[in-house]
C-alpha atoms as a PDB file:
ATOM      1  CA  GLN A   1     -15.276  26.239   5.351  1.00  0.00           C
ATOM      2  CA  VAL A   2     -13.129  23.314   6.339  1.00  0.00           C
ATOM      3  CA  GLN A   3     -13.853  20.232   4.272  1.00  0.00           C
ATOM      4  CA  LEU A   4     -12.296  16.784   4.464  1.00  0.00           C
ATOM      5  CA  ALA A   5     -13.503  14.359   1.828  1.00  0.00           C
ATOM      6  CA  GLU A   6     -12.386  10.751   2.044  1.00  0.00           C
ATOM      7  CA  SER A   7     -12.501   8.413  -0.918  1.00  0.00           C
ATOM      8  CA  GLY A   8     -11.056   5.160  -2.157  1.00  0.00           C
ATOM      9  CA  GLY A   9     -12.683   2.728   0.214  1.00  0.00           C
ATOM     10  CA  GLY A  10     -14.205  -0.501  -0.940  1.00  0.00           C
ATOM     11  CA  LEU A  11     -14.220  -4.267  -0.693  1.00  0.00           C
ATOM     12  CA  VAL A  12     -10.901  -6.068  -0.700  1.00  0.00           C
ATOM     13  CA  GLN A  13      -9.862  -9.638   0.037  1.00  0.00           C
ATOM     14  CA  PRO A  14      -7.634 -10.487   2.994  1.00  0.00           C
ATOM     15  CA  GLY A  15      -4.017  -9.888   2.080  1.00  0.00           C
ATOM     16  CA  GLY A  16      -4.962  -7.311  -0.493  1.00  0.00           C
ATOM     17  CA  SER A  17      -4.155  -3.621  -0.714  1.00  0.00           C
ATOM     18  CA  LEU A  18      -6.110  -0.413  -0.890  1.00  0.00           C
ATOM     19  CA  ARG A  19      -5.306   3.289  -0.823  1.00  0.00           C
ATOM     20  CA  VAL A  20      -7.715   5.751   0.692  1.00  0.00           C
ATOM     21  CA  SER A  21      -7.473   9.477   0.065  1.00  0.00           C
ATOM     22  CA  CYS A  22      -8.571  12.638   1.813  1.00  0.00           C
ATOM     23  CA  ALA A  23      -9.047  15.841  -0.143  1.00  0.00           C
ATOM     24  CA  ALA A  24      -8.704  18.845   2.142  1.00  0.00           C
ATOM     25  CA  SER A  25     -10.048  22.316   1.490  1.00  0.00           C
ATOM     26  CA  GLY A  26     -11.025  25.481   3.313  1.00  0.00           C
ATOM     27  CA  PHE A  27      -7.824  25.806   5.303  1.00  0.00           C
ATOM     28  CA  SER A  28      -4.074  25.870   4.952  1.00  0.00           C
ATOM     29  CA  PHE A  29      -3.432  22.156   4.572  1.00  0.00           C
ATOM     30  CA  SER A  30       0.315  22.596   4.789  1.00  0.00           C
ATOM     31  CA  SER A  31       0.003  24.186   8.249  1.00  0.00           C
ATOM     32  CA  TYR A  32      -1.573  21.224  10.019  1.00  0.00           C
ATOM     33  CA  HIS A  33      -0.690  17.760  11.145  1.00  0.00           C
ATOM     34  CA  MET A  34      -3.188  15.219   9.835  1.00  0.00           C
ATOM     35  CA  SER A  35      -4.386  11.817  11.000  1.00  0.00           C
ATOM     36  CA  TRP A  36      -6.430   8.791  10.090  1.00  0.00           C
ATOM     37  CA  VAL A  37      -8.860   7.349  12.623  1.00  0.00           C
ATOM     38  CA  ARG A  38     -11.097   4.342  12.100  1.00  0.00           C
ATOM     39  CA  GLN A  39     -14.150   2.800  13.665  1.00  0.00           C
ATOM     40  CA  ALA A  40     -15.331  -0.747  13.212  1.00  0.00           C
ATOM     41  CA  PRO A  41     -19.048  -1.483  13.674  1.00  0.00           C
ATOM     42  CA  GLY A  42     -19.862  -1.796  17.355  1.00  0.00           C
ATOM     43  CA  LYS A  43     -16.434  -0.644  18.442  1.00  0.00           C
ATOM     44  CA  GLY A  44     -14.852   2.584  19.563  1.00  0.00           C
ATOM     45  CA  LEU A  45     -12.665   4.940  17.633  1.00  0.00           C
ATOM     46  CA  GLU A  46      -9.138   3.781  16.968  1.00  0.00           C
ATOM     47  CA  TRP A  47      -6.383   6.151  15.992  1.00  0.00           C
ATOM     48  CA  VAL A  48      -4.503   4.696  13.030  1.00  0.00           C
ATOM     49  CA  SER A  49      -1.789   7.093  11.915  1.00  0.00           C
ATOM     50  CA  SER A  50      -0.565  10.687  11.971  1.00  0.00           C
ATOM     51  CA  ILE A  51       1.759  12.713   9.814  1.00  0.00           C
ATOM     52  CA  SER A  52       3.578  15.938  10.582  1.00  0.00           C
ATOM     53  CA  ILE A  53       3.220  19.221   8.748  1.00  0.00           C
ATOM     54  CA  GLY A  54       6.319  18.550   6.716  1.00  0.00           C
ATOM     55  CA  GLY A  55       5.454  14.927   6.084  1.00  0.00           C
ATOM     56  CA  GLY A  56       8.171  13.504   8.270  1.00  0.00           C
ATOM     57  CA  SER A  57       7.987  11.543  11.506  1.00  0.00           C
ATOM     58  CA  PRO A  58       4.874   9.519  10.710  1.00  0.00           C
ATOM     59  CA  ASN A  59       3.281   7.615  13.569  1.00  0.00           C
ATOM     60  CA  TYR A  60       1.292   4.395  13.466  1.00  0.00           C
ATOM     61  CA  ALA A  61      -0.821   2.319  15.764  1.00  0.00           C
ATOM     62  CA  ASP A  62       0.773  -1.006  16.600  1.00  0.00           C
ATOM     63  CA  SER A  63      -2.108  -2.756  14.887  1.00  0.00           C
ATOM     64  CA  VAL A  64      -1.150  -1.344  11.483  1.00  0.00           C
ATOM     65  CA  LYS A  65       2.560  -0.665  11.780  1.00  0.00           C
ATOM     66  CA  GLY A  66       4.495  -2.244   8.953  1.00  0.00           C
ATOM     67  CA  ARG A  67       1.394  -2.620   6.816  1.00  0.00           C
ATOM     68  CA  PHE A  68       0.049   0.922   6.416  1.00  0.00           C
ATOM     69  CA  THR A  69       1.806   4.025   5.146  1.00  0.00           C
ATOM     70  CA  ILE A  70       0.583   7.579   5.607  1.00  0.00           C
ATOM     71  CA  SER A  71       1.630  10.338   3.242  1.00  0.00           C
ATOM     72  CA  ARG A  72       0.578  13.782   2.105  1.00  0.00           C
ATOM     73  CA  ASP A  73       0.742  15.758  -1.106  1.00  0.00           C
ATOM     74  CA  LYS A  74       1.073  19.424  -0.196  1.00  0.00           C
ATOM     75  CA  ALA A  75       0.528  20.640  -3.735  1.00  0.00           C
ATOM     76  CA  GLU A  76      -2.761  18.750  -4.033  1.00  0.00           C
ATOM     77  CA  ASN A  77      -3.904  19.240  -0.421  1.00  0.00           C
ATOM     78  CA  THR A  78      -4.421  15.515  -0.147  1.00  0.00           C
ATOM     79  CA  LEU A  79      -3.736  12.995   2.599  1.00  0.00           C
ATOM     80  CA  TYR A  80      -3.278   9.319   1.780  1.00  0.00           C
ATOM     81  CA  LEU A  81      -3.252   6.017   3.594  1.00  0.00           C
ATOM     82  CA  GLN A  82      -1.782   3.084   1.737  1.00  0.00           C
ATOM     83  CA  MET A  83      -3.034  -0.144   3.285  1.00  0.00           C
ATOM     84  CA  ASN A  84      -1.274  -3.398   2.508  1.00  0.00           C
ATOM     85  CA  SER A  85      -1.657  -6.941   3.811  1.00  0.00           C
ATOM     86  CA  LEU A  86      -5.186  -6.142   4.854  1.00  0.00           C
ATOM     87  CA  LYS A  87      -6.885  -8.244   7.492  1.00  0.00           C
ATOM     88  CA  PRO A  88     -10.579  -8.723   8.261  1.00  0.00           C
ATOM     89  CA  GLU A  89     -10.047  -6.770  11.485  1.00  0.00           C
ATOM     90  CA  ASP A  90      -9.100  -3.743   9.373  1.00  0.00           C
ATOM     91  CA  THR A  91     -12.731  -3.504   8.304  1.00  0.00           C
ATOM     92  CA  ALA A  92     -13.905  -0.099   9.455  1.00  0.00           C
ATOM     93  CA  LEU A  93     -15.022   3.353   8.485  1.00  0.00           C
ATOM     94  CA  TYR A  94     -11.843   5.339   7.937  1.00  0.00           C
ATOM     95  CA  TYR A  95     -11.885   9.007   8.867  1.00  0.00           C
ATOM     96  CA  CYS A  96      -9.488  11.722   7.854  1.00  0.00           C
ATOM     97  CA  THR A  97      -8.898  14.262  10.616  1.00  0.00           C
ATOM     98  CA  ARG A  98      -7.164  17.590  11.078  1.00  0.00           C
ATOM     99  CA  ASP A  99      -4.917  17.719  14.104  1.00  0.00           C
ATOM    100  CA  ARG A 100      -4.388  20.527  16.575  1.00  0.00           C
ATOM    101  CA  ARG A 101      -1.334  20.645  18.813  1.00  0.00           C
ATOM    102  CA  PRO A 102      -1.626  23.260  21.563  1.00  0.00           C
ATOM    103  CA  SER A 103       1.396  21.566  23.108  1.00  0.00           C
ATOM    104  CA  SER A 104       3.582  18.602  22.344  1.00  0.00           C
ATOM    105  CA  MET A 105       1.619  16.551  24.874  1.00  0.00           C
ATOM    106  CA  TYR A 106      -1.888  17.620  23.922  1.00  0.00           C
ATOM    107  CA  TRP A 107      -3.300  16.761  20.513  1.00  0.00           C
ATOM    108  CA  TYR A 108      -6.864  16.685  19.347  1.00  0.00           C
ATOM    109  CA  PHE A 109      -8.771  16.351  16.090  1.00  0.00           C
ATOM    110  CA  ASP A 110     -10.911  19.375  15.388  1.00  0.00           C
ATOM    111  CA  TYR A 111     -12.335  18.452  12.000  1.00  0.00           C
ATOM    112  CA  TRP A 112     -13.372  15.082  10.643  1.00  0.00           C
ATOM    113  CA  GLY A 113     -14.424  13.870   7.256  1.00  0.00           C
ATOM    114  CA  GLN A 114     -17.485  11.716   6.695  1.00  0.00           C
ATOM    115  CA  GLY A 115     -15.369   8.610   6.352  1.00  0.00           C
ATOM    116  CA  THR A 116     -14.823   5.999   3.684  1.00  0.00           C
ATOM    117  CA  GLN A 117     -15.767   2.374   4.250  1.00  0.00           C
ATOM    118  CA  VAL A 118     -13.123  -0.316   3.953  1.00  0.00           C
ATOM    119  CA  THR A 119     -14.332  -3.893   4.065  1.00  0.00           C
ATOM    120  CA  VAL A 120     -11.873  -6.774   4.129  1.00  0.00           C
ATOM    121  CA  SER A 121     -13.602 -10.046   3.392  1.00  0.00           C
ATOM    122  CA  SER A 122     -13.230 -13.131   1.261  1.00  0.00           C
END
């Protein structure tokens, strides 16, 4: 069965860095686009970043562009999100998601991990 297991979250001070990981299993990881989505307490879901099957053409939300970097390791079936220059507003539960693309204009996330908590506070 499809499994997405996030890890690496924790407490970090503003301006600090953290890398969260997503171990994928139960499907052909190299055949899917992948994304990170986050949700802060009391707020809605916010798409953070996506990466293509081949690892090229990454996309980022304006709120994290220039600070976060998405990557994937095909051999290890693992998705990463390197987060630098963290801000208190980055505090959220970070979810790893598998993307589906029926067309170039229609994407959705069919599987989600349980999330890993990232807290940015002094």
